Amino acid sequence: MGDGVATADLYDEQGDALQSCSLQFRRIGGVQRFSGVVSTVRCHRDNALVKSVLGSPGEGRVLVVDGGGSLESALVGDLIGAAAVANGWAGVVVNGAVRDVVALGSLPLGLFALGSNPRKSAKDGVGDQDVPVSFGGVEFVPGATLWADEDGILVTRP
């Protein structure tokens, strides 16, 4: 959050104008506080679309990846994380697993995930991009604004 506003303070100011994600994510990336406009990917145990999106210009956006909460294989690893940094993404929120957590923790990238698993995912390109996704009591709609920090994730309402 460039302006340094904490999510708790933001919620106190805006209240129910914001959605609060109830999932308890692990903060894995090297940046603990981040914000940006939401882009989305929905996929299950296949990260080809995630790789493609994070390999394109991020323009300070946050990619929300709905992996269905699966911890069976990783959707983001060190190479995809490095691509996200190189392409100007502010952060990634993964409703699923990642791998290479030590390397990801050294990157200047906000990255929240449910957990980690060394198993890589399929690369078939199955999934949807820039569609509304829902988890943790929040509807993440492309174009919404997301704020994340040590307390959790807030998102503007659709």
N, C-alpha and C. Protein backbone atom coordinates (compact mmCIF):
# COMPACT_ATOMS: atom_id res chain seq x y z
N MET A 1 0.84 -1.17 0.00
CA MET A 1 0.00 0.00 0.00
C MET A 1 0.88 1.22 0.00
N GLY A 2 0.97 1.84 -1.14
CA GLY A 2 1.87 2.96 -1.29
C GLY A 2 1.66 4.05 -0.26
N ASP A 3 0.41 4.26 0.15
CA ASP A 3 0.14 5.32 1.11
C ASP A 3 0.32 4.84 2.55
N GLY A 4 0.68 3.58 2.74
CA GLY A 4 0.97 3.07 4.07
C GLY A 4 -0.25 2.80 4.94
N VAL A 5 -1.45 2.85 4.34
CA VAL A 5 -2.67 2.62 5.11
C VAL A 5 -2.81 1.13 5.42
N ALA A 6 -3.02 0.81 6.69
CA ALA A 6 -3.21 -0.58 7.09
C ALA A 6 -4.64 -1.00 6.78
N THR A 7 -4.83 -2.30 6.50
CA THR A 7 -6.18 -2.78 6.18
C THR A 7 -7.15 -2.53 7.33
N ALA A 8 -6.70 -2.67 8.58
CA ALA A 8 -7.59 -2.43 9.72
C ALA A 8 -8.09 -0.99 9.72
N ASP A 9 -7.19 -0.04 9.45
CA ASP A 9 -7.59 1.37 9.40
C ASP A 9 -8.51 1.63 8.21
N LEU A 10 -8.19 1.01 7.08
CA LEU A 10 -9.01 1.16 5.88
C LEU A 10 -10.43 0.64 6.15
N TYR A 11 -10.52 -0.51 6.82
CA TYR A 11 -11.84 -1.05 7.14
C TYR A 11 -12.59 -0.12 8.10
N ASP A 12 -11.87 0.44 9.08
CA ASP A 12 -12.51 1.36 10.02
C ASP A 12 -13.09 2.57 9.29
N GLU A 13 -12.40 3.02 8.23
CA GLU A 13 -12.84 4.18 7.46
C GLU A 13 -14.01 3.84 6.54
N GLN A 14 -13.96 2.66 5.88
CA GLN A 14 -14.91 2.36 4.82
C GLN A 14 -15.93 1.29 5.17
N GLY A 15 -15.69 0.52 6.22
CA GLY A 15 -16.65 -0.46 6.70
C GLY A 15 -17.15 -1.41 5.63
N ASP A 16 -18.48 -1.54 5.55
CA ASP A 16 -19.09 -2.52 4.66
C ASP A 16 -18.97 -2.17 3.19
N ALA A 17 -18.34 -1.08 2.85
CA ALA A 17 -18.04 -0.80 1.45
C ALA A 17 -16.97 -1.77 0.95
N LEU A 18 -16.29 -2.43 1.91
CA LEU A 18 -15.22 -3.36 1.57
C LEU A 18 -15.60 -4.78 1.99
N GLN A 19 -15.13 -5.74 1.22
CA GLN A 19 -15.27 -7.16 1.57
C GLN A 19 -13.98 -7.59 2.28
N SER A 20 -14.10 -8.43 3.29
CA SER A 20 -12.95 -8.92 4.03
C SER A 20 -12.85 -10.44 3.83
N CYS A 21 -11.71 -10.90 3.32
CA CYS A 21 -11.52 -12.32 3.04
C CYS A 21 -11.25 -13.08 4.34
N SER A 22 -12.03 -14.14 4.59
CA SER A 22 -11.91 -14.88 5.84
C SER A 22 -10.85 -15.98 5.80
N LEU A 23 -10.33 -16.33 4.61
CA LEU A 23 -9.30 -17.37 4.55
C LEU A 23 -8.02 -16.88 5.21
N GLN A 24 -7.35 -17.78 5.91
CA GLN A 24 -6.11 -17.44 6.61
C GLN A 24 -4.92 -17.83 5.73
N PHE A 25 -4.45 -16.88 4.94
CA PHE A 25 -3.36 -17.12 4.00
C PHE A 25 -2.00 -17.06 4.69
N ARG A 26 -1.03 -17.77 4.11
CA ARG A 26 0.38 -17.60 4.47
C ARG A 26 0.92 -16.44 3.64
N ARG A 27 1.65 -15.54 4.27
CA ARG A 27 2.32 -14.46 3.55
C ARG A 27 3.68 -14.98 3.13
N ILE A 28 3.87 -15.18 1.84
CA ILE A 28 5.07 -15.86 1.35
C ILE A 28 6.04 -14.92 0.64
N GLY A 29 5.53 -13.95 -0.11
CA GLY A 29 6.40 -13.05 -0.86
C GLY A 29 7.20 -12.12 0.03
N GLY A 30 8.16 -11.45 -0.57
CA GLY A 30 9.04 -10.54 0.16
C GLY A 30 8.39 -9.22 0.53
N VAL A 31 7.21 -8.92 -0.03
CA VAL A 31 6.47 -7.69 0.27
C VAL A 31 5.25 -8.09 1.10
N GLN A 32 5.13 -7.51 2.29
CA GLN A 32 4.04 -7.88 3.19
C GLN A 32 2.77 -7.08 2.98
N ARG A 33 2.90 -5.86 2.44
CA ARG A 33 1.75 -5.00 2.19
C ARG A 33 1.73 -4.64 0.71
N PHE A 34 0.59 -4.88 0.07
CA PHE A 34 0.49 -4.54 -1.35
C PHE A 34 -0.96 -4.25 -1.69
N SER A 35 -1.16 -3.58 -2.80
CA SER A 35 -2.50 -3.27 -3.27
C SER A 35 -2.46 -3.08 -4.76
N GLY A 36 -3.64 -3.17 -5.38
CA GLY A 36 -3.72 -2.95 -6.81
C GLY A 36 -5.06 -3.37 -7.35
N VAL A 37 -5.22 -3.14 -8.65
CA VAL A 37 -6.44 -3.52 -9.35
C VAL A 37 -6.40 -5.03 -9.60
N VAL A 38 -7.54 -5.68 -9.40
CA VAL A 38 -7.64 -7.14 -9.50
C VAL A 38 -7.74 -7.62 -10.95
N SER A 39 -6.94 -8.65 -11.26
CA SER A 39 -7.13 -9.51 -12.43
C SER A 39 -7.30 -10.91 -11.85
N THR A 40 -7.94 -11.80 -12.58
CA THR A 40 -8.20 -13.13 -12.03
C THR A 40 -7.87 -14.25 -13.00
N VAL A 41 -7.57 -15.41 -12.41
CA VAL A 41 -7.45 -16.67 -13.14
C VAL A 41 -8.14 -17.73 -12.28
N ARG A 42 -8.96 -18.56 -12.92
CA ARG A 42 -9.53 -19.73 -12.24
C ARG A 42 -8.94 -20.96 -12.91
N CYS A 43 -8.30 -21.83 -12.13
CA CYS A 43 -7.69 -23.03 -12.69
C CYS A 43 -7.60 -24.09 -11.59
N HIS A 44 -7.44 -25.33 -12.00
CA HIS A 44 -7.31 -26.41 -11.02
C HIS A 44 -6.12 -27.27 -11.40
N ARG A 45 -5.07 -27.21 -10.58
CA ARG A 45 -3.87 -28.03 -10.76
C ARG A 45 -3.25 -27.89 -12.15
N ASP A 46 -3.40 -26.69 -12.75
CA ASP A 46 -2.84 -26.39 -14.07
C ASP A 46 -2.46 -24.91 -14.05
N ASN A 47 -1.16 -24.62 -14.16
CA ASN A 47 -0.74 -23.23 -14.01
C ASN A 47 -0.31 -22.56 -15.31
N ALA A 48 -0.59 -23.15 -16.47
CA ALA A 48 -0.17 -22.54 -17.73
C ALA A 48 -0.77 -21.14 -17.91
N LEU A 49 -2.03 -20.96 -17.54
CA LEU A 49 -2.67 -19.66 -17.67
C LEU A 49 -2.08 -18.65 -16.68
N VAL A 50 -1.77 -19.11 -15.47
CA VAL A 50 -1.13 -18.24 -14.46
C VAL A 50 0.21 -17.75 -15.00
N LYS A 51 0.99 -18.66 -15.57
CA LYS A 51 2.30 -18.31 -16.13
C LYS A 51 2.15 -17.30 -17.26
N SER A 52 1.19 -17.51 -18.13
CA SER A 52 0.96 -16.61 -19.25
C SER A 52 0.58 -15.21 -18.77
N VAL A 53 -0.35 -15.14 -17.82
CA VAL A 53 -0.81 -13.84 -17.33
C VAL A 53 0.32 -13.10 -16.61
N LEU A 54 1.05 -13.78 -15.73
CA LEU A 54 2.14 -13.12 -14.98
C LEU A 54 3.34 -12.82 -15.87
N GLY A 55 3.37 -13.40 -17.06
CA GLY A 55 4.41 -13.09 -18.05
C GLY A 55 4.04 -11.91 -18.93
N SER A 56 2.88 -11.30 -18.68
CA SER A 56 2.43 -10.13 -19.42
C SER A 56 2.50 -8.90 -18.52
N PRO A 57 2.41 -7.68 -19.09
CA PRO A 57 2.53 -6.47 -18.26
C PRO A 57 1.50 -6.42 -17.13
N GLY A 58 2.00 -6.25 -15.91
CA GLY A 58 1.13 -6.22 -14.74
C GLY A 58 0.60 -4.85 -14.40
N GLU A 59 1.38 -3.82 -14.69
CA GLU A 59 0.97 -2.43 -14.44
C GLU A 59 0.48 -2.21 -13.02
N GLY A 60 1.16 -2.87 -12.05
CA GLY A 60 0.83 -2.68 -10.64
C GLY A 60 -0.41 -3.41 -10.18
N ARG A 61 -0.92 -4.34 -11.00
CA ARG A 61 -2.13 -5.07 -10.63
C ARG A 61 -1.81 -6.23 -9.68
N VAL A 62 -2.88 -6.83 -9.15
CA VAL A 62 -2.79 -8.00 -8.28
C VAL A 62 -3.54 -9.14 -8.98
N LEU A 63 -2.86 -10.27 -9.19
CA LEU A 63 -3.51 -11.43 -9.78
C LEU A 63 -4.09 -12.31 -8.68
N VAL A 64 -5.39 -12.54 -8.73
CA VAL A 64 -6.07 -13.42 -7.80
C VAL A 64 -6.29 -14.74 -8.53
N VAL A 65 -5.66 -15.81 -8.01
CA VAL A 65 -5.72 -17.13 -8.63
C VAL A 65 -6.61 -18.02 -7.78
N ASP A 66 -7.73 -18.45 -8.35
CA ASP A 66 -8.61 -19.38 -7.63
C ASP A 66 -8.28 -20.79 -8.08
N GLY A 67 -7.46 -21.46 -7.27
CA GLY A 67 -7.10 -22.85 -7.53
C GLY A 67 -8.02 -23.82 -6.80
N GLY A 68 -9.18 -23.34 -6.39
CA GLY A 68 -10.15 -24.20 -5.72
C GLY A 68 -9.72 -24.64 -4.33
N GLY A 69 -8.68 -24.01 -3.79
CA GLY A 69 -8.20 -24.38 -2.46
C GLY A 69 -7.35 -25.64 -2.46
N SER A 70 -7.01 -26.16 -3.63
CA SER A 70 -6.24 -27.39 -3.71
C SER A 70 -4.79 -27.18 -3.26
N LEU A 71 -4.32 -28.07 -2.40
CA LEU A 71 -2.92 -28.05 -1.97
C LEU A 71 -2.16 -29.22 -2.59
N GLU A 72 -2.73 -29.84 -3.62
CA GLU A 72 -2.14 -31.04 -4.22
C GLU A 72 -0.98 -30.75 -5.16
N SER A 73 -0.92 -29.54 -5.73
CA SER A 73 0.21 -29.15 -6.58
C SER A 73 0.32 -27.64 -6.60
N ALA A 74 1.52 -27.16 -6.89
CA ALA A 74 1.80 -25.73 -6.83
C ALA A 74 1.37 -25.01 -8.11
N LEU A 75 0.77 -23.83 -7.93
CA LEU A 75 0.36 -23.01 -9.07
C LEU A 75 1.35 -21.90 -9.37
N VAL A 76 2.22 -21.55 -8.40
CA VAL A 76 3.25 -20.53 -8.60
C VAL A 76 4.53 -21.05 -7.97
N GLY A 77 5.64 -20.86 -8.68
CA GLY A 77 6.97 -21.19 -8.17
C GLY A 77 7.90 -20.02 -8.40
N ASP A 78 9.20 -20.24 -8.18
CA ASP A 78 10.16 -19.15 -8.25
C ASP A 78 10.25 -18.52 -9.64
N LEU A 79 10.18 -19.29 -10.70
CA LEU A 79 10.30 -18.73 -12.05
C LEU A 79 9.10 -17.86 -12.41
N ILE A 80 7.91 -18.33 -12.08
CA ILE A 80 6.70 -17.54 -12.34
C ILE A 80 6.69 -16.29 -11.45
N GLY A 81 7.12 -16.44 -10.20
CA GLY A 81 7.21 -15.29 -9.31
C GLY A 81 8.17 -14.24 -9.83
N ALA A 82 9.33 -14.68 -10.33
CA ALA A 82 10.30 -13.74 -10.90
C ALA A 82 9.73 -13.05 -12.13
N ALA A 83 8.97 -13.78 -12.94
CA ALA A 83 8.32 -13.18 -14.12
C ALA A 83 7.32 -12.11 -13.69
N ALA A 84 6.57 -12.37 -12.60
CA ALA A 84 5.62 -11.39 -12.10
C ALA A 84 6.33 -10.10 -11.70
N VAL A 85 7.46 -10.22 -11.02
CA VAL A 85 8.25 -9.05 -10.62
C VAL A 85 8.74 -8.30 -11.86
N ALA A 86 9.32 -9.04 -12.80
CA ALA A 86 9.88 -8.43 -14.02
C ALA A 86 8.82 -7.71 -14.84
N ASN A 87 7.58 -8.17 -14.74
CA ASN A 87 6.50 -7.59 -15.54
C ASN A 87 5.64 -6.59 -14.77
N GLY A 88 6.06 -6.23 -13.55
CA GLY A 88 5.41 -5.14 -12.84
C GLY A 88 4.12 -5.47 -12.11
N TRP A 89 3.94 -6.73 -11.70
CA TRP A 89 2.78 -7.09 -10.89
C TRP A 89 3.05 -6.70 -9.44
N ALA A 90 2.06 -6.15 -8.74
CA ALA A 90 2.22 -5.78 -7.33
C ALA A 90 2.12 -6.99 -6.43
N GLY A 91 1.27 -7.96 -6.82
CA GLY A 91 1.07 -9.09 -5.94
C GLY A 91 0.26 -10.20 -6.59
N VAL A 92 0.24 -11.33 -5.88
CA VAL A 92 -0.51 -12.51 -6.30
C VAL A 92 -1.14 -13.11 -5.05
N VAL A 93 -2.42 -13.44 -5.15
CA VAL A 93 -3.14 -14.14 -4.08
C VAL A 93 -3.55 -15.49 -4.66
N VAL A 94 -3.08 -16.59 -4.06
CA VAL A 94 -3.34 -17.92 -4.59
C VAL A 94 -4.21 -18.72 -3.63
N ASN A 95 -5.43 -19.02 -4.05
CA ASN A 95 -6.30 -19.91 -3.29
C ASN A 95 -5.88 -21.33 -3.67
N GLY A 96 -4.71 -21.71 -3.16
CA GLY A 96 -4.08 -22.98 -3.48
C GLY A 96 -2.64 -22.95 -3.00
N ALA A 97 -1.82 -23.79 -3.62
CA ALA A 97 -0.43 -23.97 -3.16
C ALA A 97 0.57 -23.31 -4.10
N VAL A 98 1.74 -23.01 -3.54
CA VAL A 98 2.91 -22.54 -4.28
C VAL A 98 4.09 -23.44 -3.91
N ARG A 99 5.23 -23.22 -4.55
CA ARG A 99 6.45 -23.94 -4.18
C ARG A 99 7.63 -22.99 -4.31
N ASP A 100 8.81 -23.43 -3.89
CA ASP A 100 10.01 -22.57 -3.89
C ASP A 100 9.82 -21.40 -2.93
N VAL A 101 9.26 -21.67 -1.73
CA VAL A 101 8.89 -20.58 -0.83
C VAL A 101 10.08 -19.74 -0.36
N VAL A 102 11.26 -20.31 -0.22
CA VAL A 102 12.41 -19.51 0.19
C VAL A 102 12.76 -18.50 -0.90
N ALA A 103 12.80 -18.96 -2.14
CA ALA A 103 13.09 -18.07 -3.27
C ALA A 103 11.99 -17.02 -3.42
N LEU A 104 10.73 -17.43 -3.29
CA LEU A 104 9.63 -16.48 -3.41
C LEU A 104 9.69 -15.43 -2.32
N GLY A 105 10.15 -15.82 -1.14
CA GLY A 105 10.26 -14.88 -0.03
C GLY A 105 11.32 -13.82 -0.23
N SER A 106 12.23 -14.05 -1.16
CA SER A 106 13.29 -13.07 -1.43
C SER A 106 12.89 -12.10 -2.54
N LEU A 107 11.75 -12.32 -3.18
CA LEU A 107 11.32 -11.46 -4.29
C LEU A 107 10.55 -10.24 -3.79
N PRO A 108 10.71 -9.10 -4.46
CA PRO A 108 9.94 -7.91 -4.11
C PRO A 108 8.52 -8.00 -4.69
N LEU A 109 7.76 -8.96 -4.16
CA LEU A 109 6.43 -9.26 -4.65
C LEU A 109 5.54 -9.61 -3.47
N GLY A 110 4.33 -9.09 -3.46
CA GLY A 110 3.35 -9.53 -2.49
C GLY A 110 2.83 -10.88 -2.94
N LEU A 111 2.86 -11.89 -2.08
CA LEU A 111 2.36 -13.21 -2.45
C LEU A 111 1.74 -13.89 -1.24
N PHE A 112 0.44 -14.12 -1.33
CA PHE A 112 -0.28 -14.86 -0.30
C PHE A 112 -0.73 -16.17 -0.93
N ALA A 113 -0.64 -17.27 -0.18
CA ALA A 113 -1.12 -18.56 -0.64
C ALA A 113 -1.61 -19.35 0.56
N LEU A 114 -2.38 -20.41 0.29
CA LEU A 114 -2.87 -21.25 1.39
C LEU A 114 -1.76 -22.10 1.98
N GLY A 115 -0.81 -22.51 1.14
CA GLY A 115 0.26 -23.38 1.61
C GLY A 115 1.23 -23.66 0.49
N SER A 116 2.03 -24.71 0.69
CA SER A 116 3.04 -25.05 -0.31
C SER A 116 3.05 -26.56 -0.56
N ASN A 117 3.54 -26.91 -1.74
CA ASN A 117 3.70 -28.31 -2.13
C ASN A 117 4.76 -28.34 -3.22
N PRO A 118 5.78 -29.21 -3.11
CA PRO A 118 6.82 -29.24 -4.13
C PRO A 118 6.36 -29.80 -5.48
N ARG A 119 5.20 -30.45 -5.52
CA ARG A 119 4.72 -31.03 -6.78
C ARG A 119 4.30 -29.94 -7.75
N LYS A 120 4.80 -30.02 -9.00
CA LYS A 120 4.38 -29.04 -9.99
C LYS A 120 3.04 -29.43 -10.59
N SER A 121 2.39 -28.46 -11.20
CA SER A 121 1.07 -28.69 -11.75
C SER A 121 1.14 -28.99 -13.25
N ALA A 122 -0.01 -29.34 -13.81
CA ALA A 122 -0.11 -29.58 -15.25
C ALA A 122 0.11 -28.28 -16.01
N LYS A 123 0.36 -28.39 -17.30
CA LYS A 123 0.63 -27.22 -18.15
C LYS A 123 -0.25 -27.26 -19.40
N ASP A 124 -1.52 -27.63 -19.22
CA ASP A 124 -2.41 -27.79 -20.37
C ASP A 124 -3.15 -26.51 -20.75
N GLY A 125 -3.09 -25.50 -19.90
CA GLY A 125 -3.75 -24.24 -20.21
C GLY A 125 -5.23 -24.23 -19.93
N VAL A 126 -5.70 -25.18 -19.11
CA VAL A 126 -7.12 -25.26 -18.77
C VAL A 126 -7.42 -24.23 -17.68
N GLY A 127 -8.43 -23.41 -17.93
CA GLY A 127 -8.82 -22.41 -16.93
C GLY A 127 -9.51 -21.24 -17.57
N ASP A 128 -9.85 -20.24 -16.75
CA ASP A 128 -10.53 -19.03 -17.21
C ASP A 128 -9.77 -17.82 -16.71
N GLN A 129 -9.76 -16.77 -17.54
CA GLN A 129 -9.07 -15.54 -17.19
C GLN A 129 -10.06 -14.39 -17.10
N ASP A 130 -9.83 -13.50 -16.12
CA ASP A 130 -10.64 -12.30 -15.92
C ASP A 130 -12.13 -12.59 -15.83
N VAL A 131 -12.46 -13.59 -15.00
CA VAL A 131 -13.84 -13.90 -14.65
C VAL A 131 -13.98 -13.70 -13.14
N PRO A 132 -15.16 -13.37 -12.63
CA PRO A 132 -15.34 -13.26 -11.18
C PRO A 132 -15.04 -14.61 -10.52
N VAL A 133 -14.29 -14.57 -9.42
CA VAL A 133 -14.02 -15.77 -8.62
C VAL A 133 -14.38 -15.46 -7.17
N SER A 134 -14.78 -16.49 -6.43
CA SER A 134 -15.22 -16.29 -5.05
C SER A 134 -14.56 -17.30 -4.12
N PHE A 135 -14.03 -16.81 -3.01
CA PHE A 135 -13.55 -17.66 -1.92
C PHE A 135 -13.39 -16.79 -0.68
N GLY A 136 -13.44 -17.42 0.48
CA GLY A 136 -13.27 -16.69 1.74
C GLY A 136 -14.33 -15.63 1.97
N GLY A 137 -15.54 -15.83 1.38
CA GLY A 137 -16.62 -14.88 1.57
C GLY A 137 -16.50 -13.63 0.74
N VAL A 138 -15.59 -13.63 -0.25
CA VAL A 138 -15.35 -12.45 -1.08
C VAL A 138 -15.56 -12.80 -2.54
N GLU A 139 -16.19 -11.88 -3.29
CA GLU A 139 -16.25 -12.00 -4.74
C GLU A 139 -15.18 -11.09 -5.32
N PHE A 140 -14.19 -11.70 -5.95
CA PHE A 140 -13.09 -10.97 -6.58
C PHE A 140 -13.47 -10.75 -8.05
N VAL A 141 -13.72 -9.49 -8.40
CA VAL A 141 -14.16 -9.15 -9.74
C VAL A 141 -13.05 -8.36 -10.43
N PRO A 142 -12.69 -8.73 -11.66
CA PRO A 142 -11.67 -7.96 -12.37
C PRO A 142 -12.03 -6.47 -12.37
N GLY A 143 -11.03 -5.65 -12.04
CA GLY A 143 -11.23 -4.20 -11.96
C GLY A 143 -11.47 -3.69 -10.56
N ALA A 144 -11.79 -4.59 -9.62
CA ALA A 144 -11.93 -4.18 -8.21
C ALA A 144 -10.55 -3.81 -7.67
N THR A 145 -10.52 -3.16 -6.51
CA THR A 145 -9.25 -2.84 -5.86
C THR A 145 -9.07 -3.76 -4.66
N LEU A 146 -7.86 -4.28 -4.50
CA LEU A 146 -7.50 -5.19 -3.41
C LEU A 146 -6.38 -4.57 -2.59
N TRP A 147 -6.50 -4.70 -1.27
CA TRP A 147 -5.43 -4.31 -0.34
C TRP A 147 -5.10 -5.53 0.50
N ALA A 148 -3.82 -5.79 0.73
CA ALA A 148 -3.40 -6.93 1.54
C ALA A 148 -2.27 -6.51 2.47
N ASP A 149 -2.31 -7.01 3.69
CA ASP A 149 -1.22 -6.78 4.63
C ASP A 149 -1.21 -7.90 5.67
N GLU A 150 -0.51 -7.66 6.77
CA GLU A 150 -0.35 -8.67 7.80
C GLU A 150 -1.68 -9.10 8.43
N ASP A 151 -2.70 -8.26 8.34
CA ASP A 151 -4.01 -8.57 8.92
C ASP A 151 -4.93 -9.32 7.96
N GLY A 152 -4.66 -9.24 6.67
CA GLY A 152 -5.51 -9.95 5.72
C GLY A 152 -5.74 -9.18 4.44
N ILE A 153 -6.89 -9.47 3.82
CA ILE A 153 -7.20 -8.96 2.48
C ILE A 153 -8.55 -8.27 2.49
N LEU A 154 -8.59 -7.07 1.92
CA LEU A 154 -9.83 -6.33 1.71
C LEU A 154 -9.98 -6.08 0.21
N VAL A 155 -11.24 -6.09 -0.26
CA VAL A 155 -11.52 -5.88 -1.67
C VAL A 155 -12.77 -5.02 -1.79
N THR A 156 -12.77 -4.10 -2.77
CA THR A 156 -13.97 -3.31 -3.01
C THR A 156 -15.09 -4.24 -3.47
N ARG A 157 -16.32 -3.84 -3.16
CA ARG A 157 -17.49 -4.64 -3.55
C ARG A 157 -17.77 -4.47 -5.04
N PRO A 158 -18.34 -5.53 -5.66
CA PRO A 158 -18.68 -5.42 -7.09
C PRO A 158 -19.75 -4.36 -7.32
